Structure formats: C-alpha cells, structure tokens
Amino acid sequence: MYFANWDDLKRYCPVHNGVWEKEALYEYLVCYSDMRFSELLDGFFDDYRNDEALADLLFAFLLDDYYDGSDCQMGAAHCIGRLERDVLRKNKDRLRKAQENEVLWKRPFFRENSDLEWL
C-alpha cells in the first residue's frame, strides 16, 4: 500500500482501543523502509514499548517464514530492539532465536553486543 504522507499513514493506525490489527501493523512495519516515516514511526511505537500484545505480533512477523524477505521483518526487528527489556525478557526464547539469524537485519540488536547477557 502507498502512503503519500504521514497524515495518510496515521489514518491507517494499527491499534484501536488497545487491540492491534495485524494487517495495518504490517503496513506500518513496511513503512519503516521509507525514510520519510522512520522517525515518525519511532515516535508512534514509543508509546507501546511495554505492550506485550505488540511484542507477540512483532515476533510473529519476524520469525514467520511466510514474511521472509519482506520489509515488515526489518521493521519488526527494529521495533523489537526498542521494546522495554521487561517485555523482551518474557520473550527471551524468541529473542534469542531472532538474534541467531544469519541475516543481520533480522537481528533486533545487530548494532549492539548480541550476547543478550541482560536477559
């Protein structure tokens, strides 16, 4: 889906009353690859850094072979890397699996030490 600007994208908001819509979240994650939206999306997702339902969906996108190669996986990895550590600790097995991926951009913490000793 194409979004001409941030206002267009905001109208496709993936969360309503605390419930995430997977298809809309997919579009938001794909839009991370568009530099016009990356910082704005960071600001949007900052409000949900403690959201366990979001974490579940992000890991579902990242670890599902169906989405292999999709920009949504890059966006999901980026968002996972920004989640609160308490949420990540609850998902430590999935996080470790993501960190072991041979594809660098599928690792939520590819810019940092990937040993995850804080888990």
C-alpha atoms as a PDB file:
ATOM      1  CA  MET A   1       0.000   0.000   0.000  1.00  0.00           C
ATOM      2  CA  TYR A   2       1.275   3.509  -0.756  1.00  0.00           C
ATOM      3  CA  PHE A   3       1.035   6.400   1.680  1.00  0.00           C
ATOM      4  CA  ALA A   4       1.773   9.853   0.313  1.00  0.00           C
ATOM      5  CA  ASN A   5       2.484  11.397   3.716  1.00  0.00           C
ATOM      6  CA  TRP A   6       2.313  10.890   7.455  1.00  0.00           C
ATOM      7  CA  ASP A   7      -1.327  12.012   7.651  1.00  0.00           C
ATOM      8  CA  ASP A   8      -2.303   9.281   5.172  1.00  0.00           C
ATOM      9  CA  LEU A   9      -0.415   6.680   7.175  1.00  0.00           C
ATOM     10  CA  LYS A  10      -1.875   7.819  10.513  1.00  0.00           C
ATOM     11  CA  ARG A  11      -5.377   7.187   9.165  1.00  0.00           C
ATOM     12  CA  TYR A  12      -4.367   3.529   8.854  1.00  0.00           C
ATOM     13  CA  CYS A  13      -3.494   3.295  12.563  1.00  0.00           C
ATOM     14  CA  PRO A  14      -2.868  -0.332  13.599  1.00  0.00           C
ATOM     15  CA  VAL A  15      -4.179  -0.078  17.164  1.00  0.00           C
ATOM     16  CA  HIS A  16      -7.669   0.781  18.344  1.00  0.00           C
ATOM     17  CA  ASN A  17      -8.716   0.664  21.996  1.00  0.00           C
ATOM     18  CA  GLY A  18      -5.603  -1.374  22.806  1.00  0.00           C
ATOM     19  CA  VAL A  19      -6.281  -4.018  20.149  1.00  0.00           C
ATOM     20  CA  TRP A  20      -3.768  -4.458  17.335  1.00  0.00           C
ATOM     21  CA  GLU A  21      -4.890  -5.045  13.765  1.00  0.00           C
ATOM     22  CA  LYS A  22      -2.300  -7.292  12.143  1.00  0.00           C
ATOM     23  CA  GLU A  23      -2.773  -6.097   8.544  1.00  0.00           C
ATOM     24  CA  ALA A  24      -2.439  -2.437   9.487  1.00  0.00           C
ATOM     25  CA  LEU A  25       0.581  -3.195  11.668  1.00  0.00           C
ATOM     26  CA  TYR A  26       2.147  -4.939   8.676  1.00  0.00           C
ATOM     27  CA  GLU A  27       1.767  -1.721   6.652  1.00  0.00           C
ATOM     28  CA  TYR A  28       3.329   0.358   9.430  1.00  0.00           C
ATOM     29  CA  LEU A  29       6.294  -2.009   9.644  1.00  0.00           C
ATOM     30  CA  VAL A  30       6.808  -1.936   5.872  1.00  0.00           C
ATOM     31  CA  CYS A  31       6.804   1.868   6.018  1.00  0.00           C
ATOM     32  CA  TYR A  32       9.943   1.793   8.174  1.00  0.00           C
ATOM     33  CA  SER A  33      11.820   1.243   4.922  1.00  0.00           C
ATOM     34  CA  ASP A  34      10.629   4.665   3.739  1.00  0.00           C
ATOM     35  CA  MET A  35      12.894   7.285   5.315  1.00  0.00           C
ATOM     36  CA  ARG A  36      10.022   9.793   5.325  1.00  0.00           C
ATOM     37  CA  PHE A  37       8.315   7.742   8.008  1.00  0.00           C
ATOM     38  CA  SER A  38      11.018   6.051  10.098  1.00  0.00           C
ATOM     39  CA  GLU A  39      11.413   8.728  12.791  1.00  0.00           C
ATOM     40  CA  LEU A  40       7.668   9.338  12.940  1.00  0.00           C
ATOM     41  CA  LEU A  41       7.067   5.624  13.363  1.00  0.00           C
ATOM     42  CA  ASP A  42       9.640   5.504  16.158  1.00  0.00           C
ATOM     43  CA  GLY A  43       7.637   8.201  17.919  1.00  0.00           C
ATOM     44  CA  PHE A  44       4.401   6.303  17.374  1.00  0.00           C
ATOM     45  CA  PHE A  45       5.773   2.995  18.681  1.00  0.00           C
ATOM     46  CA  ASP A  46       7.465   4.644  21.688  1.00  0.00           C
ATOM     47  CA  ASP A  47       4.036   4.770  23.315  1.00  0.00           C
ATOM     48  CA  TYR A  48       3.793   0.972  23.098  1.00  0.00           C
ATOM     49  CA  ARG A  49       7.215  -0.155  24.302  1.00  0.00           C
ATOM     50  CA  ASN A  50       5.587  -2.091  27.176  1.00  0.00           C
ATOM     51  CA  ASP A  51       2.836  -3.662  25.088  1.00  0.00           C
ATOM     52  CA  GLU A  52       3.072  -7.453  25.222  1.00  0.00           C
ATOM     53  CA  ALA A  53       0.436  -7.924  22.506  1.00  0.00           C
ATOM     54  CA  LEU A  54       2.546  -5.791  20.177  1.00  0.00           C
ATOM     55  CA  ALA A  55       5.624  -7.833  21.068  1.00  0.00           C
ATOM     56  CA  ASP A  56       3.769 -11.036  20.166  1.00  0.00           C
ATOM     57  CA  LEU A  57       2.826  -9.661  16.766  1.00  0.00           C
ATOM     58  CA  LEU A  58       6.306  -8.297  16.087  1.00  0.00           C
ATOM     59  CA  PHE A  59       7.900 -11.660  16.830  1.00  0.00           C
ATOM     60  CA  ALA A  60       5.227 -13.364  14.722  1.00  0.00           C
ATOM     61  CA  PHE A  61       6.197 -11.230  11.722  1.00  0.00           C
ATOM     62  CA  LEU A  62       9.919 -11.597  12.312  1.00  0.00           C
ATOM     63  CA  LEU A  63      10.010 -15.347  12.834  1.00  0.00           C
ATOM     64  CA  ASP A  64       7.388 -16.441  10.305  1.00  0.00           C
ATOM     65  CA  ASP A  65       8.919 -17.758   7.070  1.00  0.00           C
ATOM     66  CA  TYR A  66       5.830 -16.529   5.218  1.00  0.00           C
ATOM     67  CA  TYR A  67       7.177 -12.970   5.555  1.00  0.00           C
ATOM     68  CA  ASP A  68      10.758 -13.921   4.684  1.00  0.00           C
ATOM     69  CA  GLY A  69      12.393 -11.055   2.835  1.00  0.00           C
ATOM     70  CA  SER A  70       9.548  -8.644   3.475  1.00  0.00           C
ATOM     71  CA  ASP A  71      10.323  -5.135   4.685  1.00  0.00           C
ATOM     72  CA  CYS A  72       7.920  -5.837   7.540  1.00  0.00           C
ATOM     73  CA  GLN A  73      10.563  -8.121   9.064  1.00  0.00           C
ATOM     74  CA  MET A  74      13.103  -5.320   9.060  1.00  0.00           C
ATOM     75  CA  GLY A  75      10.571  -3.041  10.735  1.00  0.00           C
ATOM     76  CA  ALA A  76       9.644  -5.741  13.245  1.00  0.00           C
ATOM     77  CA  ALA A  77      13.291  -6.333  14.184  1.00  0.00           C
ATOM     78  CA  HIS A  78      13.786  -2.599  14.644  1.00  0.00           C
ATOM     79  CA  CYS A  79      10.684  -2.292  16.849  1.00  0.00           C
ATOM     80  CA  ILE A  80      11.629  -5.341  18.911  1.00  0.00           C
ATOM     81  CA  GLY A  81      15.003  -3.764  19.615  1.00  0.00           C
ATOM     82  CA  ARG A  82      13.193  -0.720  21.043  1.00  0.00           C
ATOM     83  CA  LEU A  83      10.840  -2.641  23.378  1.00  0.00           C
ATOM     84  CA  GLU A  84      11.302  -2.435  27.134  1.00  0.00           C
ATOM     85  CA  ARG A  85      13.624  -5.076  28.488  1.00  0.00           C
ATOM     86  CA  ASP A  86      10.945  -6.484  30.804  1.00  0.00           C
ATOM     87  CA  VAL A  87       8.817  -7.298  27.744  1.00  0.00           C
ATOM     88  CA  LEU A  88      11.835  -8.785  25.978  1.00  0.00           C
ATOM     89  CA  ARG A  89      12.693 -10.957  28.969  1.00  0.00           C
ATOM     90  CA  LYS A  90       9.221 -12.503  28.698  1.00  0.00           C
ATOM     91  CA  ASN A  91      10.092 -13.364  25.090  1.00  0.00           C
ATOM     92  CA  LYS A  92      13.681 -14.415  25.645  1.00  0.00           C
ATOM     93  CA  ASP A  93      13.472 -17.656  23.660  1.00  0.00           C
ATOM     94  CA  ARG A  94      12.082 -15.880  20.611  1.00  0.00           C
ATOM     95  CA  LEU A  95      14.567 -13.039  21.037  1.00  0.00           C
ATOM     96  CA  ARG A  96      17.494 -15.464  21.190  1.00  0.00           C
ATOM     97  CA  LYS A  97      16.188 -17.194  18.068  1.00  0.00           C
ATOM     98  CA  ALA A  98      15.990 -13.850  16.244  1.00  0.00           C
ATOM     99  CA  GLN A  99      19.496 -12.891  17.382  1.00  0.00           C
ATOM    100  CA  GLU A 100      20.887 -16.116  15.953  1.00  0.00           C
ATOM    101  CA  ASN A 101      19.578 -15.378  12.470  1.00  0.00           C
ATOM    102  CA  GLU A 102      22.304 -15.341   9.838  1.00  0.00           C
ATOM    103  CA  VAL A 103      20.619 -12.341   8.197  1.00  0.00           C
ATOM    104  CA  LEU A 104      21.946  -9.316  10.044  1.00  0.00           C
ATOM    105  CA  TRP A 105      18.917  -7.059   9.584  1.00  0.00           C
ATOM    106  CA  LYS A 106      16.662  -9.712  11.146  1.00  0.00           C
ATOM    107  CA  ARG A 107      18.504  -9.333  14.437  1.00  0.00           C
ATOM    108  CA  PRO A 108      16.841  -6.836  16.786  1.00  0.00           C
ATOM    109  CA  PHE A 109      20.205  -5.936  18.320  1.00  0.00           C
ATOM    110  CA  PHE A 110      22.580  -6.155  15.373  1.00  0.00           C
ATOM    111  CA  ARG A 111      24.153  -2.797  16.260  1.00  0.00           C
ATOM    112  CA  GLU A 112      24.904  -3.826  19.831  1.00  0.00           C
ATOM    113  CA  ASN A 113      26.595  -6.687  21.565  1.00  0.00           C
ATOM    114  CA  SER A 114      24.351  -9.606  20.671  1.00  0.00           C
ATOM    115  CA  ASP A 115      25.111 -11.836  23.660  1.00  0.00           C
ATOM    116  CA  LEU A 116      21.978 -10.600  25.453  1.00  0.00           C
ATOM    117  CA  GLU A 117      23.568 -11.119  28.872  1.00  0.00           C
ATOM    118  CA  TRP A 118      20.950  -8.766  30.364  1.00  0.00           C
ATOM    119  CA  LEU A 119      18.229 -11.363  29.685  1.00  0.00           C
END
